[in-house]
Amino acid sequence: MEKLLSSDRIKAEALRLGFSACGLAPAEAVDETVATAFRQWLADGCQAEMAYMQNYEDKRLDPRLLVEGARTVISVALNYYPTKKLPEGEYQIAWYAYGKDYHDVMKGKLKELFEFIEKEVSFSKETDSTIASTNNIGTYTENYASAPQAPVSQTSASPLQGRIFCDTAPILERYWAWRTGLGWIGKNTHLIIPHAGSCFFLGEIILDREADNYDSPQRNQCGSCTRCLDACPTKALEAPFRLNSERCLSYLTIEYRGELSLNVGKKMGNKIYGCDECLKACPWNRFATPCRTAEFQPSPSLLSMRKDDWHSLSEEQYKTIFKGSAVKRAKYGGLMRNIKIIKILRACLLYTSDAADE
């Protein structure tokens, strides 16, 4: 008889590794209401030029097609709310990109968690140990030092099959974060963890083993609030829970490869990579705590950048400052394109102002 995965032990180890939250759910097809809404979102072209969103729809809507014999989805979240921020009035980049590329950091931690679970499955006699008490919602903590060591065991069983994911495969990450009880999906389409906010990277492990306990989804607690929709500079949040990527400043300043219009430039303000306005507007982020992950801390060279430094940024300087950073997604040309449109508009504004004074 196969040993069941221990939900408590997995959560305890996830917290020890530095994850902020962890939950488990049965691997099954995505809820049909969600699947229908996703298909409609694609049909309406809301993915813009991100054509890969249309690929592997069957796998995106059923994780059992990603791992043969899949029975459990583990979802984890890792806080990235910055300890220090770029000065107001200077050019801004999205908080998530302040430090090292989250793909690399998350995959490293997910690999460690997977290896721990492999050991657990390979042995069946449990050692005595006190572990974190959990309930049927995903476990959340920022107190990593107090997260208990999860014990490892002693008798053999059949090998574990599974895969780790962090924005690296067709999987609806926020859906599974909700399904595993970590939080709910807000009107800004971000996962919101109660009393913690929405500044989190997400990752998953899909396994071919059943767990001894699964978490329940949390109810949506956005209520009548529409602050994120009201704050969106381009009204890309067309309705609650619906983002049109084609109008989103994060998409336009990072993924889009064409020239930006002056109209888009007017909405950018000081934003040269990403946006974050819907995060800043969300009242749940008043509970956000600074992340403790060293790799996500901004470098002194980034924090010291001023407008003149950005204007004269060479490609070599770009490679040095953003080595191993998510900002490489926009490439040097894309970042300088964003800066250029803001400079043009500032020059036009100054010219108009000077002409009016004459």
Protein backbone atom coordinates (compact mmCIF):
# COMPACT_ATOMS: atom_id res chain seq x y z
CA MET A 1 0.00 0.00 0.00
CA GLU A 2 1.35 3.41 -0.99
CA LYS A 3 2.14 5.83 1.80
CA LEU A 4 0.00 8.96 1.75
CA LEU A 5 1.75 12.31 1.50
CA SER A 6 1.77 14.06 4.86
CA SER A 7 0.17 17.47 4.36
CA ASP A 8 1.46 18.78 7.69
CA ARG A 9 5.03 17.67 7.07
CA ILE A 10 5.10 19.15 3.56
CA LYS A 11 3.78 22.48 4.84
CA ALA A 12 6.28 22.53 7.70
CA GLU A 13 9.17 21.92 5.31
CA ALA A 14 7.87 24.55 2.86
CA LEU A 15 7.84 27.16 5.61
CA ARG A 16 11.31 26.11 6.78
CA LEU A 17 12.60 26.62 3.23
CA GLY A 18 11.31 30.19 3.31
CA PHE A 19 8.02 29.91 1.45
CA SER A 20 5.32 32.18 2.85
CA ALA A 21 2.39 29.84 2.27
CA CYS A 22 1.70 26.27 1.19
CA GLY A 23 -1.45 24.25 0.47
CA LEU A 24 -2.54 21.01 -1.21
CA ALA A 25 -5.47 20.02 -3.43
CA PRO A 26 -6.46 16.92 -5.42
CA ALA A 27 -5.22 16.96 -9.02
CA GLU A 28 -8.32 17.25 -11.16
CA ALA A 29 -9.71 19.22 -14.07
CA VAL A 30 -10.16 22.94 -13.53
CA ASP A 31 -13.68 23.99 -12.53
CA GLU A 32 -15.78 24.26 -15.69
CA THR A 33 -16.87 27.84 -14.92
CA VAL A 34 -13.22 28.88 -14.75
CA ALA A 35 -12.38 26.92 -17.90
CA THR A 36 -15.22 28.60 -19.81
CA ALA A 37 -14.12 32.07 -18.64
CA PHE A 38 -10.52 31.33 -19.68
CA ARG A 39 -11.57 30.21 -23.15
CA GLN A 40 -13.67 33.36 -23.55
CA TRP A 41 -10.74 35.52 -22.40
CA LEU A 42 -8.62 33.98 -25.15
CA ALA A 43 -11.40 34.30 -27.75
CA ASP A 44 -11.67 38.01 -26.93
CA GLY A 45 -7.94 38.47 -27.59
CA CYS A 46 -7.13 39.57 -24.04
CA GLN A 47 -3.81 37.70 -24.19
CA ALA A 48 -2.61 40.29 -26.76
CA GLU A 49 0.54 39.03 -28.53
CA MET A 50 1.28 36.39 -25.88
CA ALA A 51 0.29 33.62 -28.29
CA TYR A 52 1.74 30.94 -26.02
CA MET A 53 -1.31 31.40 -23.77
CA GLN A 54 -3.32 29.61 -26.45
CA ASN A 55 -1.01 26.59 -26.54
CA TYR A 56 -1.73 23.35 -24.69
CA GLU A 57 -5.18 24.40 -23.54
CA ASP A 58 -6.00 20.83 -22.55
CA LYS A 59 -3.00 20.66 -20.20
CA ARG A 60 -3.62 24.15 -18.84
CA LEU A 61 -7.09 23.08 -17.78
CA ASP A 62 -6.16 19.66 -16.38
CA PRO A 63 -2.88 19.13 -14.47
CA ARG A 64 -3.28 15.36 -14.79
CA LEU A 65 -2.08 15.79 -18.38
CA LEU A 66 1.17 17.36 -17.15
CA VAL A 67 2.19 14.48 -14.88
CA GLU A 68 1.18 10.90 -15.58
CA GLY A 69 -0.95 9.56 -12.75
CA ALA A 70 -1.12 12.98 -11.05
CA ARG A 71 -3.11 12.93 -7.83
CA THR A 72 -1.95 15.98 -5.84
CA VAL A 73 -1.17 19.63 -6.57
CA ILE A 74 0.97 21.49 -4.05
CA SER A 75 0.93 25.28 -4.35
CA VAL A 76 3.41 27.61 -2.65
CA ALA A 77 3.76 31.38 -2.41
CA LEU A 78 6.87 33.46 -1.76
CA ASN A 79 6.70 37.08 -0.61
CA TYR A 80 8.45 39.77 -2.67
CA TYR A 81 7.11 42.96 -1.03
CA PRO A 82 10.23 45.18 -1.04
CA THR A 83 12.13 46.21 2.07
CA LYS A 84 13.36 49.32 0.25
CA LYS A 85 11.79 51.10 -2.71
CA LEU A 86 13.06 53.30 -5.50
CA PRO A 87 12.73 56.99 -4.54
CA GLU A 88 9.45 58.70 -5.41
CA GLY A 89 9.89 60.98 -8.41
CA GLU A 90 12.52 58.73 -10.00
CA TYR A 91 11.88 56.16 -12.70
CA GLN A 92 10.10 53.09 -11.36
CA ILE A 93 10.34 49.39 -12.08
CA ALA A 94 7.88 46.79 -10.81
CA TRP A 95 8.55 45.57 -7.27
CA TYR A 96 8.78 41.94 -8.35
CA ALA A 97 11.85 42.77 -10.49
CA TYR A 98 13.90 44.54 -7.81
CA GLY A 99 16.12 41.53 -7.12
CA LYS A 100 17.12 38.29 -8.83
CA ASP A 101 14.86 36.53 -11.33
CA TYR A 102 12.13 34.80 -9.35
CA HIS A 103 12.11 31.83 -11.72
CA ASP A 104 15.59 30.83 -10.57
CA VAL A 105 14.95 31.44 -6.87
CA MET A 106 11.58 29.68 -6.83
CA LYS A 107 12.80 26.68 -8.82
CA GLY A 108 15.67 26.19 -6.40
CA LYS A 109 13.35 26.14 -3.39
CA LEU A 110 10.79 23.96 -5.17
CA LYS A 111 13.51 21.46 -6.02
CA GLU A 112 14.49 21.27 -2.34
CA LEU A 113 10.87 20.72 -1.34
CA PHE A 114 10.46 18.01 -3.97
CA GLU A 115 13.60 16.24 -2.75
CA PHE A 116 12.27 16.35 0.82
CA ILE A 117 8.99 14.76 -0.30
CA GLU A 118 10.94 12.10 -2.23
CA LYS A 119 12.71 11.13 0.99
CA GLU A 120 9.41 11.06 2.84
CA VAL A 121 7.90 8.75 0.27
CA SER A 122 11.01 6.54 0.16
CA PHE A 123 10.66 5.81 3.85
CA SER A 124 7.58 4.92 5.81
CA LYS A 125 8.47 4.74 9.51
CA GLU A 126 7.98 8.20 10.92
CA THR A 127 10.14 9.65 13.66
CA ASP A 128 8.55 11.40 16.59
CA SER A 129 8.52 15.16 16.16
CA THR A 130 6.35 18.15 16.85
CA ILE A 131 5.35 19.94 13.66
CA ALA A 132 3.24 22.97 12.86
CA SER A 133 -0.45 22.61 13.54
CA THR A 134 -2.44 23.39 10.42
CA ASN A 135 -6.07 23.53 9.45
CA ASN A 136 -7.87 23.05 6.18
CA ILE A 137 -6.64 26.25 4.61
CA GLY A 138 -3.14 26.68 3.26
CA THR A 139 -0.52 27.47 5.91
CA TYR A 140 0.97 31.01 5.87
CA THR A 141 3.92 32.40 7.81
CA GLU A 142 6.61 35.07 7.63
CA ASN A 143 8.37 33.75 10.75
CA TYR A 144 10.74 31.39 8.99
CA ALA A 145 13.03 30.94 11.97
CA SER A 146 10.25 29.36 14.02
CA ALA A 147 9.02 27.09 11.22
CA PRO A 148 9.62 23.55 12.48
CA GLN A 149 11.98 21.05 10.93
CA ALA A 150 9.90 18.36 9.26
CA PRO A 151 11.15 14.90 10.14
CA VAL A 152 12.42 12.38 7.64
CA SER A 153 11.71 8.65 7.83
CA GLN A 154 13.05 5.11 7.40
CA THR A 155 11.58 2.16 5.18
CA SER A 156 11.34 1.85 1.40
CA ALA A 157 8.43 2.34 -1.03
CA SER A 158 7.89 2.90 -4.78
CA PRO A 159 9.57 5.95 -6.36
CA LEU A 160 7.73 9.26 -6.51
CA GLN A 161 6.83 10.79 -9.87
CA GLY A 162 6.25 14.51 -10.23
CA ARG A 163 7.28 17.89 -11.64
CA ILE A 164 7.93 21.38 -10.32
CA PHE A 165 6.57 24.53 -11.97
CA CYS A 166 7.11 28.27 -11.65
CA ASP A 167 5.61 30.14 -14.58
CA THR A 168 7.31 27.51 -16.75
CA ALA A 169 4.45 25.36 -18.08
CA PRO A 170 0.78 25.63 -19.08
CA ILE A 171 -0.80 25.72 -15.63
CA LEU A 172 -3.28 28.19 -14.12
CA GLU A 173 -1.13 29.15 -11.16
CA ARG A 174 -3.49 31.56 -9.43
CA TYR A 175 -6.37 29.12 -9.78
CA TRP A 176 -4.36 26.41 -8.02
CA ALA A 177 -3.20 28.83 -5.34
CA TRP A 178 -6.89 29.51 -4.67
CA ARG A 179 -7.84 25.85 -4.93
CA THR A 180 -5.18 24.87 -2.38
CA GLY A 181 -6.52 27.39 0.12
CA LEU A 182 -3.75 30.01 0.01
CA GLY A 183 -6.12 32.90 -0.67
CA TRP A 184 -8.56 34.14 -3.29
CA ILE A 185 -8.21 35.75 -6.72
CA GLY A 186 -8.93 39.46 -6.41
CA LYS A 187 -10.67 41.78 -8.83
CA ASN A 188 -7.19 42.82 -10.04
CA THR A 189 -6.63 39.12 -10.99
CA HIS A 190 -3.85 38.75 -8.38
CA LEU A 191 -3.90 36.17 -5.62
CA ILE A 192 -4.69 37.83 -2.30
CA ILE A 193 -3.58 36.10 0.90
CA PRO A 194 -5.64 37.30 3.88
CA HIS A 195 -3.71 39.58 6.23
CA ALA A 196 -0.67 39.31 3.97
CA GLY A 197 -1.58 41.01 0.67
CA SER A 198 -0.87 40.11 -2.93
CA CYS A 199 2.88 40.53 -3.50
CA PHE A 200 3.72 36.86 -3.96
CA PHE A 201 5.42 34.63 -6.49
CA LEU A 202 3.65 31.31 -7.05
CA GLY A 203 4.92 27.83 -7.76
CA GLU A 204 3.57 24.30 -7.92
CA ILE A 205 4.58 20.67 -7.49
CA ILE A 206 2.37 18.04 -9.13
CA LEU A 207 2.78 14.52 -7.75
CA ASP A 208 1.46 11.05 -8.46
CA ARG A 209 0.62 10.42 -4.78
CA GLU A 210 -2.47 11.10 -2.72
CA ALA A 211 -2.17 13.23 0.42
CA ASP A 212 -3.65 12.51 3.83
CA ASN A 213 -5.41 15.87 3.90
CA TYR A 214 -6.40 18.53 1.37
CA ASP A 215 -7.11 22.23 1.83
CA SER A 216 -10.35 24.02 1.04
CA PRO A 217 -10.61 27.13 -1.19
CA GLN A 218 -11.11 30.44 0.56
CA ARG A 219 -14.08 32.67 -0.13
CA ASN A 220 -13.49 35.92 -2.00
CA GLN A 221 -13.24 38.86 0.39
CA CYS A 222 -12.98 41.77 -2.07
CA GLY A 223 -16.57 42.75 -1.30
CA SER A 224 -17.74 45.92 -3.04
CA CYS A 225 -14.22 47.39 -3.26
CA THR A 226 -13.14 48.59 -6.73
CA ARG A 227 -9.96 50.48 -5.82
CA CYS A 228 -7.79 48.40 -8.15
CA LEU A 229 -10.09 49.00 -11.11
CA ASP A 230 -10.24 52.72 -10.33
CA ALA A 231 -6.43 52.96 -10.03
CA CYS A 232 -5.57 51.20 -13.31
CA PRO A 233 -3.97 53.93 -15.50
CA THR A 234 -5.11 52.42 -18.81
CA LYS A 235 -8.37 50.79 -17.63
CA ALA A 236 -6.90 47.42 -18.55
CA LEU A 237 -9.02 46.01 -15.73
CA GLU A 238 -12.13 46.17 -17.87
CA ALA A 239 -14.30 44.53 -15.20
CA PRO A 240 -13.76 42.73 -11.92
CA PHE A 241 -11.52 39.69 -12.47
CA ARG A 242 -10.92 40.55 -16.14
CA LEU A 243 -7.61 41.96 -17.38
CA ASN A 244 -7.11 42.98 -21.00
CA SER A 245 -3.36 42.48 -21.46
CA GLU A 246 -3.32 44.60 -24.61
CA ARG A 247 -4.00 47.69 -22.48
CA CYS A 248 -1.95 46.74 -19.42
CA LEU A 249 1.20 48.78 -18.76
CA SER A 250 2.99 45.70 -17.44
CA TYR A 251 2.41 43.94 -20.76
CA LEU A 252 3.19 47.03 -22.83
CA THR A 253 6.46 47.88 -21.04
CA ILE A 254 7.72 44.28 -20.72
CA GLU A 255 6.26 41.89 -23.30
CA TYR A 256 5.26 44.17 -26.18
CA ARG A 257 7.98 44.55 -28.79
CA GLY A 258 6.54 47.37 -30.93
CA GLU A 259 6.77 51.14 -30.50
CA LEU A 260 4.71 52.71 -27.75
CA SER A 261 2.17 55.37 -28.67
CA LEU A 262 2.21 58.82 -27.11
CA ASN A 263 -1.14 57.99 -25.54
CA VAL A 264 0.42 55.02 -23.74
CA GLY A 265 3.37 57.18 -22.76
CA LYS A 266 1.04 59.67 -21.10
CA LYS A 267 -0.28 56.87 -18.87
CA MET A 268 3.15 55.64 -17.86
CA GLY A 269 4.15 58.48 -15.56
CA ASN A 270 7.58 57.38 -14.26
CA LYS A 271 7.05 53.68 -14.95
CA ILE A 272 9.73 52.19 -17.19
CA TYR A 273 9.16 48.50 -16.37
CA GLY A 274 5.82 47.18 -15.13
CA CYS A 275 3.20 49.11 -13.21
CA ASP A 276 2.02 47.92 -9.71
CA GLU A 277 -0.79 50.50 -9.43
CA CYS A 278 -3.44 47.84 -8.80
CA LEU A 279 -1.24 46.36 -6.06
CA LYS A 280 -0.65 49.71 -4.40
CA ALA A 281 -4.38 50.44 -4.44
CA CYS A 282 -5.43 47.13 -2.86
CA PRO A 283 -6.32 47.65 0.83
CA TRP A 284 -5.17 44.13 1.66
CA ASN A 285 -1.59 45.19 0.95
CA ARG A 286 -1.60 47.33 4.06
CA PHE A 287 -0.87 43.99 5.76
CA ALA A 288 2.12 43.27 3.49
CA THR A 289 5.41 42.69 5.31
CA PRO A 290 8.87 43.19 3.77
CA CYS A 291 10.25 40.01 2.25
CA ARG A 292 13.18 38.29 3.90
CA THR A 293 14.50 36.50 0.83
CA ALA A 294 18.02 37.86 0.25
CA GLU A 295 17.87 37.27 -3.51
CA PHE A 296 14.88 39.62 -3.87
CA GLN A 297 16.56 42.61 -2.22
CA PRO A 298 17.37 45.52 -4.56
CA SER A 299 21.04 46.20 -5.17
CA PRO A 300 22.60 49.51 -4.05
CA SER A 301 23.35 50.29 -7.70
CA LEU A 302 19.64 50.03 -8.59
CA LEU A 303 18.51 52.10 -5.61
CA SER A 304 21.02 54.83 -6.48
CA MET A 305 19.81 55.25 -10.07
CA ARG A 306 18.51 58.72 -10.97
CA LYS A 307 16.88 59.95 -14.18
CA ASP A 308 20.16 61.14 -15.70
CA ASP A 309 21.71 57.74 -14.98
CA TRP A 310 18.84 56.00 -16.76
CA HIS A 311 19.06 58.38 -19.74
CA SER A 312 22.75 57.59 -20.24
CA LEU A 313 22.49 53.87 -19.41
CA SER A 314 24.72 51.85 -21.70
CA GLU A 315 24.07 48.25 -22.65
CA GLU A 316 27.08 47.15 -20.60
CA GLN A 317 25.77 48.99 -17.53
CA TYR A 318 22.35 47.42 -18.12
CA LYS A 319 23.88 43.94 -18.18
CA THR A 320 25.77 44.62 -14.95
CA ILE A 321 22.90 46.15 -12.97
CA PHE A 322 20.30 43.62 -14.13
CA LYS A 323 22.44 40.49 -14.28
CA GLY A 324 20.18 37.59 -13.29
CA SER A 325 17.17 39.92 -13.05
CA ALA A 326 13.66 39.61 -14.48
CA VAL A 327 14.22 43.00 -16.14
CA LYS A 328 16.13 41.13 -18.85
CA ARG A 329 12.68 40.10 -20.10
CA ALA A 330 12.23 43.56 -21.65
CA LYS A 331 15.77 43.54 -23.06
CA TYR A 332 17.95 46.64 -23.21
CA GLY A 333 16.18 47.99 -26.28
CA GLY A 334 12.76 47.64 -24.67
CA LEU A 335 13.81 49.40 -21.48
CA MET A 336 15.38 52.29 -23.38
CA ARG A 337 12.26 52.51 -25.59
CA ASN A 338 10.19 53.01 -22.45
CA ILE A 339 12.54 55.68 -21.13
CA LYS A 340 12.57 57.42 -24.52
CA ILE A 341 8.79 57.84 -24.72
CA ILE A 342 8.71 59.41 -21.25
CA LYS A 343 11.57 61.76 -22.19
CA ILE A 344 9.76 62.84 -25.37
CA LEU A 345 6.59 63.62 -23.47
CA ARG A 346 8.49 65.51 -20.79
CA ALA A 347 10.21 67.59 -23.46
CA CYS A 348 6.86 68.34 -25.13
CA LEU A 349 5.37 69.30 -21.78
CA LEU A 350 8.26 71.66 -21.01
CA TYR A 351 8.05 73.21 -24.49
CA THR A 352 4.29 73.73 -24.13
CA SER A 353 4.77 75.24 -20.70
CA ASP A 354 7.52 77.59 -21.91
CA ALA A 355 5.42 78.67 -24.90
CA ALA A 356 2.47 79.44 -22.65
CA ASP A 357 4.66 81.64 -20.46
CA GLU A 358 5.78 83.80 -23.39
